[in-house]
């Protein structure tokens, strides 16, 4: 991994060895679950339980983002431009000559 990535990356929650172990467990569980006729039922059940736990974790992790996304919809069921517009402003990719009020009132 390049030094610039290592120096500027966020602190990991687990070390590399643990990350590889988790990835291998997920990959093995997936392979067992899609080739379930090749394994005994206890192994298949364990693999499916592992995948379900990962799915549950991911669902819980993403729930706040999904709830926030729902707030972006208005009564006409169209998407508000607020998030995309504000991200563009913060990134310096929008027309900075407009005031924030102009953007909010006219977009």
C-alpha atoms as a PDB file:
ATOM      1  CA  UNK A   1       0.000   0.000   0.000  1.00  0.00           C
ATOM      2  CA  UNK A   2       1.400   3.449  -0.879  1.00  0.00           C
ATOM      3  CA  UNK A   3       2.789   5.493   2.026  1.00  0.00           C
ATOM      4  CA  UNK A   4       0.457   8.402   1.242  1.00  0.00           C
ATOM      5  CA  UNK A   5      -2.544   6.127   1.775  1.00  0.00           C
ATOM      6  CA  UNK A   6      -1.184   4.762   5.041  1.00  0.00           C
ATOM      7  CA  UNK A   7      -0.314   8.237   6.334  1.00  0.00           C
ATOM      8  CA  UNK A   8      -3.684   9.823   5.465  1.00  0.00           C
ATOM      9  CA  UNK A   9      -6.058   6.942   6.033  1.00  0.00           C
ATOM     10  CA  UNK A  10      -8.461   6.877   8.964  1.00  0.00           C
ATOM     11  CA  UNK A  11      -7.557   4.663  11.893  1.00  0.00           C
ATOM     12  CA  UNK A  12      -8.821   1.116  11.297  1.00  0.00           C
ATOM     13  CA  UNK A  13     -11.185  -0.549  13.725  1.00  0.00           C
ATOM     14  CA  UNK A  14      -9.300  -3.840  13.360  1.00  0.00           C
ATOM     15  CA  UNK A  15      -5.768  -4.755  12.347  1.00  0.00           C
ATOM     16  CA  UNK A  16      -4.881  -6.286   8.981  1.00  0.00           C
ATOM     17  CA  UNK A  17      -4.829  -9.846  10.238  1.00  0.00           C
ATOM     18  CA  UNK A  18      -8.320  -9.544  11.713  1.00  0.00           C
ATOM     19  CA  UNK A  19      -9.595  -7.850   8.541  1.00  0.00           C
ATOM     20  CA  UNK A  20      -8.273 -10.691   6.362  1.00  0.00           C
ATOM     21  CA  UNK A  21      -9.797 -13.254   8.733  1.00  0.00           C
ATOM     22  CA  UNK A  22     -13.204 -11.554   8.542  1.00  0.00           C
ATOM     23  CA  UNK A  23     -13.036 -11.249   4.767  1.00  0.00           C
ATOM     24  CA  UNK A  24     -12.051 -14.906   4.413  1.00  0.00           C
ATOM     25  CA  UNK A  25     -14.939 -15.942   6.670  1.00  0.00           C
ATOM     26  CA  UNK A  26     -17.420 -13.941   4.621  1.00  0.00           C
ATOM     27  CA  UNK A  27     -16.038 -15.243   1.324  1.00  0.00           C
ATOM     28  CA  UNK A  28     -16.064 -18.862   2.529  1.00  0.00           C
ATOM     29  CA  UNK A  29     -19.604 -18.494   3.871  1.00  0.00           C
ATOM     30  CA  UNK A  30     -20.761 -17.112   0.538  1.00  0.00           C
ATOM     31  CA  UNK A  31     -19.111 -19.938  -1.417  1.00  0.00           C
ATOM     32  CA  UNK A  32     -20.667 -22.566   0.858  1.00  0.00           C
ATOM     33  CA  UNK A  33     -24.102 -20.967   0.634  1.00  0.00           C
ATOM     34  CA  UNK A  34     -24.137 -20.908  -3.190  1.00  0.00           C
ATOM     35  CA  UNK A  35     -22.789 -24.472  -3.452  1.00  0.00           C
ATOM     36  CA  UNK A  36     -24.872 -25.836  -0.587  1.00  0.00           C
ATOM     37  CA  UNK A  37     -25.293 -29.261  -2.201  1.00  0.00           C
ATOM     38  CA  UNK A  38     -21.527 -29.797  -1.806  1.00  0.00           C
ATOM     39  CA  UNK A  39     -21.524 -29.504   2.016  1.00  0.00           C
ATOM     40  CA  UNK A  40     -23.203 -31.127   4.997  1.00  0.00           C
ATOM     41  CA  UNK A  41     -26.229 -29.274   6.323  1.00  0.00           C
ATOM     42  CA  UNK A  42     -24.555 -28.110   9.531  1.00  0.00           C
ATOM     43  CA  UNK A  43     -21.817 -26.364   7.536  1.00  0.00           C
ATOM     44  CA  UNK A  44     -24.400 -24.801   5.221  1.00  0.00           C
ATOM     45  CA  UNK A  45     -26.521 -23.632   8.163  1.00  0.00           C
ATOM     46  CA  UNK A  46     -23.472 -22.064   9.812  1.00  0.00           C
ATOM     47  CA  UNK A  47     -22.488 -20.312   6.576  1.00  0.00           C
ATOM     48  CA  UNK A  48     -25.999 -18.946   6.086  1.00  0.00           C
ATOM     49  CA  UNK A  49     -26.102 -17.742   9.702  1.00  0.00           C
ATOM     50  CA  UNK A  50     -22.781 -15.972   9.189  1.00  0.00           C
ATOM     51  CA  UNK A  51     -24.068 -14.241   6.064  1.00  0.00           C
ATOM     52  CA  UNK A  52     -27.284 -13.267   7.863  1.00  0.00           C
ATOM     53  CA  UNK A  53     -25.281 -11.716  10.700  1.00  0.00           C
ATOM     54  CA  UNK A  54     -23.285  -9.666   8.161  1.00  0.00           C
ATOM     55  CA  UNK A  55     -26.513  -8.613   6.428  1.00  0.00           C
ATOM     56  CA  UNK A  56     -28.089  -7.600   9.750  1.00  0.00           C
ATOM     57  CA  UNK A  57     -24.989  -5.606  10.706  1.00  0.00           C
ATOM     58  CA  UNK A  58     -24.964  -3.849   7.339  1.00  0.00           C
ATOM     59  CA  UNK A  59     -28.693  -3.081   7.546  1.00  0.00           C
ATOM     60  CA  UNK A  60     -28.228  -1.556  11.008  1.00  0.00           C
ATOM     61  CA  UNK A  61     -25.190   0.435   9.875  1.00  0.00           C
ATOM     62  CA  UNK A  62     -26.943   1.850   6.796  1.00  0.00           C
ATOM     63  CA  UNK A  63     -30.333   2.521   8.445  1.00  0.00           C
ATOM     64  CA  UNK A  64     -29.563   6.163   9.399  1.00  0.00           C
ATOM     65  CA  UNK A  65     -28.401   6.892   5.859  1.00  0.00           C
ATOM     66  CA  UNK A  66     -31.529   5.316   4.389  1.00  0.00           C
ATOM     67  CA  UNK A  67     -33.750   7.260   6.789  1.00  0.00           C
ATOM     68  CA  UNK A  68     -31.993  10.490   5.871  1.00  0.00           C
ATOM     69  CA  UNK A  69     -32.453   9.704   2.188  1.00  0.00           C
ATOM     70  CA  UNK A  70     -36.204   9.389   2.742  1.00  0.00           C
ATOM     71  CA  UNK A  71     -36.219  12.925   4.113  1.00  0.00           C
ATOM     72  CA  UNK A  72     -34.902  14.112   0.758  1.00  0.00           C
ATOM     73  CA  UNK A  73     -38.203  13.256  -0.940  1.00  0.00           C
ATOM     74  CA  UNK A  74     -40.998  15.802  -1.082  1.00  0.00           C
ATOM     75  CA  UNK A  75     -44.775  15.467  -1.498  1.00  0.00           C
ATOM     76  CA  UNK A  76     -44.479  15.060  -5.279  1.00  0.00           C
ATOM     77  CA  UNK A  77     -42.136  12.133  -4.610  1.00  0.00           C
ATOM     78  CA  UNK A  78     -39.280  13.933  -6.308  1.00  0.00           C
ATOM     79  CA  UNK A  79     -35.842  14.230  -4.818  1.00  0.00           C
ATOM     80  CA  UNK A  80     -34.761  17.470  -3.206  1.00  0.00           C
ATOM     81  CA  UNK A  81     -31.545  18.856  -4.679  1.00  0.00           C
ATOM     82  CA  UNK A  82     -30.301  19.938  -1.227  1.00  0.00           C
ATOM     83  CA  UNK A  83     -27.834  17.132  -0.580  1.00  0.00           C
ATOM     84  CA  UNK A  84     -26.310  17.128  -4.046  1.00  0.00           C
ATOM     85  CA  UNK A  85     -26.209  20.929  -4.174  1.00  0.00           C
ATOM     86  CA  UNK A  86     -24.613  21.269  -0.750  1.00  0.00           C
ATOM     87  CA  UNK A  87     -22.042  18.582  -1.535  1.00  0.00           C
ATOM     88  CA  UNK A  88     -21.128  20.442  -4.701  1.00  0.00           C
ATOM     89  CA  UNK A  89     -20.764  23.701  -2.806  1.00  0.00           C
ATOM     90  CA  UNK A  90     -18.600  22.117  -0.131  1.00  0.00           C
ATOM     91  CA  UNK A  91     -16.435  20.455  -2.768  1.00  0.00           C
ATOM     92  CA  UNK A  92     -16.098  23.720  -4.691  1.00  0.00           C
ATOM     93  CA  UNK A  93     -17.735  22.223  -7.774  1.00  0.00           C
ATOM     94  CA  UNK A  94     -20.749  24.533  -7.969  1.00  0.00           C
ATOM     95  CA  UNK A  95     -21.003  28.124  -9.109  1.00  0.00           C
ATOM     96  CA  UNK A  96     -19.648  29.901  -6.054  1.00  0.00           C
ATOM     97  CA  UNK A  97     -20.933  33.235  -7.373  1.00  0.00           C
ATOM     98  CA  UNK A  98     -24.438  32.300  -6.263  1.00  0.00           C
ATOM     99  CA  UNK A  99     -25.372  32.769  -2.656  1.00  0.00           C
ATOM    100  CA  UNK A 100     -26.577  29.778  -0.714  1.00  0.00           C
ATOM    101  CA  UNK A 101     -30.018  31.412  -0.487  1.00  0.00           C
ATOM    102  CA  UNK A 102     -30.183  31.787  -4.271  1.00  0.00           C
ATOM    103  CA  UNK A 103     -29.359  28.118  -4.685  1.00  0.00           C
ATOM    104  CA  UNK A 104     -31.935  27.046  -2.119  1.00  0.00           C
ATOM    105  CA  UNK A 105     -34.716  29.279  -3.438  1.00  0.00           C
ATOM    106  CA  UNK A 106     -34.230  28.742  -7.156  1.00  0.00           C
ATOM    107  CA  UNK A 107     -33.238  25.083  -7.494  1.00  0.00           C
END
